Protein backbone atom coordinates (compact mmCIF):
# COMPACT_ATOMS: atom_id res chain seq x y z
CA MET A 1 0.61 76.82 26.96
CA ARG A 2 -2.94 76.49 28.22
CA PHE A 3 -4.20 76.05 24.66
CA ALA A 4 -1.55 73.43 23.92
CA GLY A 5 -2.52 71.43 27.00
CA LEU A 6 -6.19 71.39 26.03
CA ALA A 7 -5.25 70.28 22.51
CA ALA A 8 -3.21 67.38 23.88
CA VAL A 9 -6.11 66.23 26.07
CA GLY A 10 -8.45 66.37 23.07
CA LEU A 11 -6.05 64.27 21.01
CA VAL A 12 -5.85 61.57 23.71
CA VAL A 13 -9.66 61.43 24.01
CA SER A 14 -10.03 61.17 20.22
CA LEU A 15 -7.53 58.28 20.01
CA SER A 16 -9.33 56.47 22.84
CA ILE A 17 -12.65 56.75 21.03
CA ILE A 18 -11.11 55.43 17.80
CA THR A 19 -9.52 52.51 19.67
CA LEU A 20 -12.74 51.59 21.48
CA GLY A 21 -14.64 51.72 18.22
CA GLN A 22 -12.48 49.11 16.53
CA ALA A 23 -13.73 45.51 16.22
CA PRO A 24 -12.03 43.00 18.57
CA PRO A 25 -9.40 40.67 17.07
CA THR A 26 -11.05 38.04 14.89
CA ALA A 27 -11.51 34.73 16.77
CA ALA A 28 -10.13 31.60 15.22
CA PRO A 29 -12.75 29.89 13.10
CA ALA A 30 -14.52 27.00 14.73
CA GLY A 31 -12.44 23.97 14.03
CA GLN A 32 -9.00 25.51 14.42
CA GLY A 33 -9.15 25.24 18.17
CA GLY A 34 -9.86 21.58 17.76
CA GLN A 35 -6.81 21.15 15.57
CA ARG A 36 -4.65 22.17 18.47
CA GLY A 37 -6.50 19.70 20.64
CA GLN A 38 -6.09 17.01 18.00
CA ALA A 39 -2.35 17.35 17.95
CA ALA A 40 -2.27 16.68 21.67
CA GLN A 41 -4.36 13.57 21.48
CA GLY A 42 -2.48 11.25 19.17
CA GLY A 43 -2.45 10.19 15.55
CA GLN A 44 -5.26 8.92 13.48
CA GLY A 45 -6.00 5.31 14.32
CA GLN A 46 -5.53 5.53 18.07
CA VAL A 47 -7.81 8.02 19.80
CA GLY A 48 -9.26 8.97 16.41
CA GLN A 49 -10.42 5.39 15.91
CA GLY A 50 -11.94 4.99 19.37
CA LEU A 51 -9.01 3.03 20.78
CA ALA A 52 -6.94 3.74 23.83
CA ALA A 53 -3.64 5.25 22.79
CA PRO A 54 -0.69 2.91 23.38
CA PRO A 55 1.67 3.77 26.24
CA GLY A 56 4.00 6.61 25.34
CA ALA A 57 2.38 7.21 21.96
CA ALA A 58 3.03 10.66 20.54
CA ALA A 59 0.95 12.58 18.03
CA ALA A 60 1.90 11.54 14.53
CA ASP A 61 0.20 14.15 12.42
CA GLY A 62 -2.42 15.76 14.62
CA ARG A 63 -5.34 13.87 13.11
CA GLY A 64 -6.48 12.07 16.24
CA GLY A 65 -9.49 12.86 18.40
CA GLY A 66 -8.95 16.43 19.49
CA GLN A 67 -10.68 18.56 22.09
CA GLY A 68 -12.18 21.98 21.74
CA ALA A 69 -14.44 23.50 19.13
CA GLY A 70 -12.92 21.48 16.31
CA ALA A 71 -12.84 18.07 17.96
CA ARG A 72 -14.30 15.01 16.26
CA GLY A 73 -13.51 15.51 12.64
CA GLY A 74 -12.70 19.19 12.39
CA GLY A 75 -15.60 20.80 14.26
CA ARG A 76 -18.34 23.14 13.16
CA GLY A 77 -17.59 25.05 10.03
CA ALA A 78 -14.76 22.76 8.93
CA ALA A 79 -14.68 21.58 5.35
CA PRO A 80 -15.94 17.98 4.98
CA ALA A 81 -13.30 15.32 4.56
CA GLY A 82 -12.59 14.47 0.96
CA PRO A 83 -13.01 11.01 -0.51
CA ALA A 84 -10.56 8.33 0.55
CA GLU A 85 -7.62 7.57 -1.68
CA PRO A 86 -8.17 4.62 -4.06
CA THR A 87 -7.13 1.10 -3.18
CA PRO A 88 -3.31 0.87 -3.26
CA ARG A 89 -1.99 -1.75 -5.65
CA TRP A 90 1.11 -3.75 -6.48
CA PRO A 91 2.70 -3.36 -9.92
CA ASP A 92 0.78 -6.45 -11.09
CA GLY A 93 -2.53 -4.77 -10.18
CA LYS A 94 -3.33 -6.78 -7.05
CA PRO A 95 -4.50 -4.73 -4.07
CA ARG A 96 -2.06 -4.10 -1.26
CA LEU A 97 -3.36 -5.32 2.09
CA GLY A 98 -1.03 -3.16 4.16
CA ALA A 99 0.51 0.30 4.07
CA LEU A 100 2.34 1.81 1.11
CA PRO A 101 6.16 1.65 1.07
CA GLY A 102 7.62 4.13 3.53
CA GLN A 103 4.29 4.53 5.31
CA LYS A 104 2.63 2.74 8.20
CA GLY A 105 -0.85 1.77 9.29
CA LEU A 106 -2.97 -0.82 11.10
CA TRP A 107 -6.41 -2.34 10.61
CA ASN A 108 -9.18 -2.18 13.23
CA GLY A 109 -12.60 -3.79 13.25
CA GLY A 110 -13.82 -7.01 11.70
CA GLY A 111 -14.34 -10.14 13.74
CA THR A 112 -18.15 -10.24 13.72
CA THR A 113 -19.31 -13.81 14.35
CA ALA A 114 -22.23 -15.77 15.78
CA ASP A 115 -25.43 -14.44 17.34
CA ALA A 116 -28.72 -15.99 18.40
CA THR A 117 -29.59 -16.83 14.78
CA ALA A 118 -26.55 -19.09 14.29
CA PRO A 119 -27.49 -22.74 13.56
CA TYR A 120 -26.13 -24.13 16.83
CA GLN A 121 -26.27 -27.75 17.81
CA PRO A 122 -27.84 -27.96 21.31
CA TRP A 123 -24.54 -28.48 23.12
CA ALA A 124 -22.91 -25.57 21.26
CA ARG A 125 -25.76 -23.21 22.15
CA ALA A 126 -25.39 -24.15 25.82
CA VAL A 127 -21.61 -23.61 25.72
CA SER A 128 -22.13 -20.24 24.02
CA ALA A 129 -24.50 -19.13 26.79
CA ASP A 130 -22.09 -20.27 29.49
CA ARG A 131 -19.18 -18.43 27.88
CA ARG A 132 -21.13 -15.19 27.77
CA ASP A 133 -21.97 -15.59 31.45
CA ASN A 134 -18.46 -16.41 32.62
CA ASN A 135 -16.08 -14.88 30.06
CA MET A 136 -13.24 -17.26 30.93
CA GLU A 137 -11.58 -16.56 27.61
CA PRO A 138 -8.17 -18.04 26.70
CA HIS A 139 -7.24 -14.66 25.17
CA THR A 140 -7.04 -13.18 28.68
CA ARG A 141 -4.50 -15.88 29.53
CA CYS A 142 -2.31 -14.63 26.69
CA LYS A 143 -3.27 -17.44 24.31
CA PRO A 144 -3.30 -16.74 20.55
CA SER A 145 -6.69 -15.95 19.07
CA GLY A 146 -7.45 -17.77 15.84
CA GLY A 147 -9.92 -16.91 13.11
CA PRO A 148 -11.98 -13.72 13.40
CA ARG A 149 -11.04 -13.27 17.08
CA GLN A 150 -7.60 -12.12 15.92
CA PHE A 151 -9.15 -8.94 14.50
CA LEU A 152 -10.67 -8.07 17.87
CA THR A 153 -7.23 -7.94 19.47
CA PRO A 154 -6.61 -4.55 21.14
CA TYR A 155 -4.81 -1.89 19.07
CA GLY A 156 -5.49 -3.61 15.76
CA VAL A 157 -3.45 -5.82 13.44
CA GLU A 158 -0.91 -5.25 10.69
CA PHE A 159 -0.98 -7.03 7.32
CA VAL A 160 2.46 -7.72 5.88
CA ASP A 161 2.20 -8.90 2.27
CA MET A 162 5.44 -10.46 0.98
CA PRO A 163 4.98 -11.60 -2.64
CA ASP A 164 8.63 -12.67 -2.95
CA LEU A 165 8.17 -15.15 -0.10
CA GLN A 166 4.61 -15.99 -1.19
CA ARG A 167 3.36 -15.30 2.30
CA VAL A 168 1.00 -12.88 4.01
CA PHE A 169 1.57 -12.31 7.72
CA ILE A 170 -1.02 -10.88 10.11
CA LEU A 171 0.66 -9.41 13.19
CA ASP A 172 -1.11 -8.82 16.51
CA ILE A 173 -0.27 -5.90 18.76
CA GLY A 174 -2.18 -6.52 21.96
CA GLY A 175 -2.93 -9.89 23.51
CA PRO A 176 -0.27 -12.53 22.86
CA HIS A 177 1.59 -10.25 20.41
CA THR A 178 2.01 -13.08 17.93
CA PHE A 179 1.42 -13.60 14.20
CA ARG A 180 -0.43 -15.73 11.69
CA THR A 181 1.00 -17.03 8.40
CA ILE A 182 -1.04 -17.35 5.21
CA TYR A 183 0.66 -19.27 2.38
CA THR A 184 0.08 -17.95 -1.14
CA ASP A 185 2.30 -20.37 -3.09
CA GLY A 186 -0.56 -22.63 -4.20
CA ARG A 187 0.06 -25.38 -1.66
CA GLU A 188 -2.71 -27.61 -0.31
CA HIS A 189 -3.53 -28.20 3.33
CA PRO A 190 -1.37 -31.01 4.77
CA LYS A 191 -3.12 -34.33 5.28
CA ASP A 192 -1.69 -35.00 8.72
CA TYR A 193 -1.67 -31.47 10.13
CA SER A 194 -1.45 -31.26 13.92
CA PRO A 195 -4.12 -28.81 15.18
CA THR A 196 -2.81 -25.39 16.26
CA TYR A 197 -4.15 -22.08 17.55
CA TYR A 198 -4.20 -20.36 14.15
CA GLY A 199 -4.71 -23.47 12.04
CA HIS A 200 -3.22 -23.86 8.57
CA SER A 201 -4.11 -21.03 6.17
CA VAL A 202 -3.72 -20.82 2.39
CA GLY A 203 -4.69 -17.75 0.38
CA LYS A 204 -5.37 -16.79 -3.21
CA TRP A 205 -6.69 -13.80 -5.12
CA GLU A 206 -10.11 -13.85 -6.77
CA GLY A 207 -10.21 -10.53 -8.57
CA ASP A 208 -9.70 -7.84 -5.93
CA THR A 209 -10.63 -10.19 -3.07
CA PHE A 210 -8.05 -12.08 -1.02
CA VAL A 211 -9.61 -15.44 -0.09
CA VAL A 212 -8.15 -17.36 2.87
CA ASP A 213 -9.01 -21.02 3.54
CA THR A 214 -8.12 -22.30 7.03
CA VAL A 215 -8.41 -25.70 8.72
CA GLY A 216 -6.57 -27.45 11.53
CA PHE A 217 -7.70 -25.42 14.57
CA ASN A 218 -7.29 -26.85 18.03
CA GLU A 219 -10.03 -26.47 20.63
CA ARG A 220 -7.93 -24.42 23.07
CA ILE A 221 -9.00 -21.11 21.55
CA TRP A 222 -12.16 -19.11 21.05
CA ILE A 223 -12.67 -17.83 17.51
CA ASP A 224 -14.60 -14.86 18.89
CA ARG A 225 -15.48 -13.51 22.34
CA GLY A 226 -17.57 -16.50 23.27
CA ASN A 227 -20.55 -16.69 20.92
CA ALA A 228 -19.13 -19.30 18.55
CA PRO A 229 -17.90 -22.59 20.05
CA HIS A 230 -16.05 -24.82 17.61
CA THR A 231 -14.48 -28.25 17.23
CA GLU A 232 -11.42 -29.51 15.38
CA LYS A 233 -13.69 -29.95 12.35
CA LEU A 234 -13.81 -26.18 11.93
CA HIS A 235 -13.21 -24.89 8.40
CA LEU A 236 -13.11 -21.11 7.83
CA ILE A 237 -13.28 -19.12 4.61
CA GLU A 238 -12.30 -15.47 5.06
CA LYS A 239 -12.55 -12.90 2.27
CA PHE A 240 -10.75 -9.56 2.47
CA THR A 241 -11.79 -6.91 -0.06
CA ARG A 242 -10.04 -3.55 0.20
CA THR A 243 -12.46 -1.07 -1.35
CA ASP A 244 -10.30 2.05 -0.89
CA MET A 245 -7.27 3.18 1.08
CA ASN A 246 -9.11 3.20 4.40
CA SER A 247 -11.78 0.51 4.06
CA MET A 248 -11.88 -3.27 3.82
CA THR A 249 -14.81 -5.69 3.88
CA TYR A 250 -14.36 -8.89 5.90
CA ASP A 251 -16.63 -11.77 4.87
CA LEU A 252 -16.58 -14.90 7.03
CA THR A 253 -17.95 -18.38 6.32
CA VAL A 254 -18.01 -20.89 9.17
CA ASP A 255 -18.31 -24.61 8.43
CA ASP A 256 -18.11 -26.84 11.51
CA PRO A 257 -20.33 -29.94 11.40
CA GLY A 258 -19.23 -30.76 14.94
CA ALA A 259 -20.87 -27.65 16.41
CA TYR A 260 -23.47 -26.38 13.91
CA THR A 261 -26.26 -27.85 11.84
CA ALA A 262 -25.39 -25.77 8.77
CA THR A 263 -22.77 -23.45 7.35
CA TRP A 264 -23.26 -19.79 8.28
CA THR A 265 -21.80 -16.46 7.19
CA ARG A 266 -21.17 -12.99 8.58
CA SER A 267 -19.82 -9.75 7.13
CA SER A 268 -18.20 -6.78 8.83
CA ALA A 269 -16.07 -3.72 8.07
CA MET A 270 -12.44 -2.99 8.83
CA ARG A 271 -10.91 0.48 8.98
CA PHE A 272 -7.34 1.47 8.20
CA ALA A 273 -5.58 3.62 10.81
CA ALA A 274 -2.81 5.48 9.03
CA ASN A 275 0.36 6.53 10.88
CA SER A 276 -0.07 3.80 13.51
CA GLU A 277 2.43 1.01 13.97
CA LEU A 278 3.36 -1.93 16.14
CA PHE A 279 4.82 -1.25 19.55
CA GLU A 280 6.19 -3.47 22.29
CA TYR A 281 3.39 -5.17 24.19
CA VAL A 282 3.92 -7.86 26.82
CA CYS A 283 0.63 -9.60 27.51
CA GLN A 284 1.55 -10.72 31.02
CA ASP A 285 2.44 -7.16 32.01
CA ASN A 286 -0.67 -5.56 30.53
CA ASN A 287 -3.45 -7.85 31.70
CA PHE A 288 -5.89 -5.50 33.40
CA ALA A 289 -8.92 -7.79 33.23
CA PRO A 290 -8.65 -10.21 36.14
CA GLU A 291 -12.40 -10.70 36.14
CA LEU A 292 -12.08 -12.37 32.75
CA LEU A 293 -9.80 -15.00 34.29
CA VAL A 294 -12.46 -16.34 36.67
CA GLY A 295 -15.71 -15.06 35.17
CA THR A 296 -18.54 -14.99 37.70
CA HIS A 297 -16.80 -17.53 39.92
CA GLU A 298 -14.99 -16.55 43.10
CA HIS A 299 -12.13 -18.86 42.19
CA VAL A 300 -11.01 -21.38 39.59
CA ASP A 301 -10.33 -25.01 40.44
CA ARG A 302 -6.64 -25.55 39.62
CA SER A 303 -6.68 -29.24 40.50
CA SER A 304 -7.79 -30.23 36.98
CA VAL A 305 -6.85 -29.20 33.47
CA ILE A 306 -8.72 -26.12 32.26
CA VAL A 307 -10.60 -26.82 29.04
CA PRO A 308 -11.93 -23.61 27.44
């Protein structure tokens, strides 16, 4: 009995030594922890694109901006992202401006306009400086934003290309939550067009570039965040070139002899946010920028008509 007891003790000690000598469970490779964080953050195109996630948004496919070792694109040790899918096309070969059938996605970016090198007339330069100081932008009063300012609307825009109707619609999410119509049926601009917020736009394809010609803007909008004053003489040429599934180049030409001494151009990039879509947004309920209503002033004189 005594020998059996000693043997049992020896067996327990031997098993303990073997157990202690084993390597600890293998830790998850760097990057996997971030995948769990990504799934909690929202789909690609919201947090993953540097935008605030819309209220109530749920993770679409776990490709947003995660937390943990693998945050921000997969983390250390993760395989690099492969090349983007090629430009999606219609059966006739023309590029699609929006998502593929059965899928969803929004465009962010674009909207780059004037800077100090723009050929301002003296009055336009002074107005530009005042706008940057006071930021009393019509957009914050839920007014539509024409021209390149539309692409700076929070949460991005959606392109809806409808060849059967010969129309392209650009839908806003944030701001006034409105839309712009681009006619692709070959029509000309009307001769007696009444100026509007978005103006009158006609579009055509030049190779793989969608060229949009717009006139007829009123002066109640800003076409950017304040740098580029305009008059009703404004004529915009916008060129959209989708270079792959996720990328589009936005080329802008501004011709306004009422505000500038010469035509000027700018170019910027737009990025496609897959798995994002429109959601209900009421501008009056989501205006969290009261300082942009009065700028640097303590109050606004309501006794006269406000002219942006």
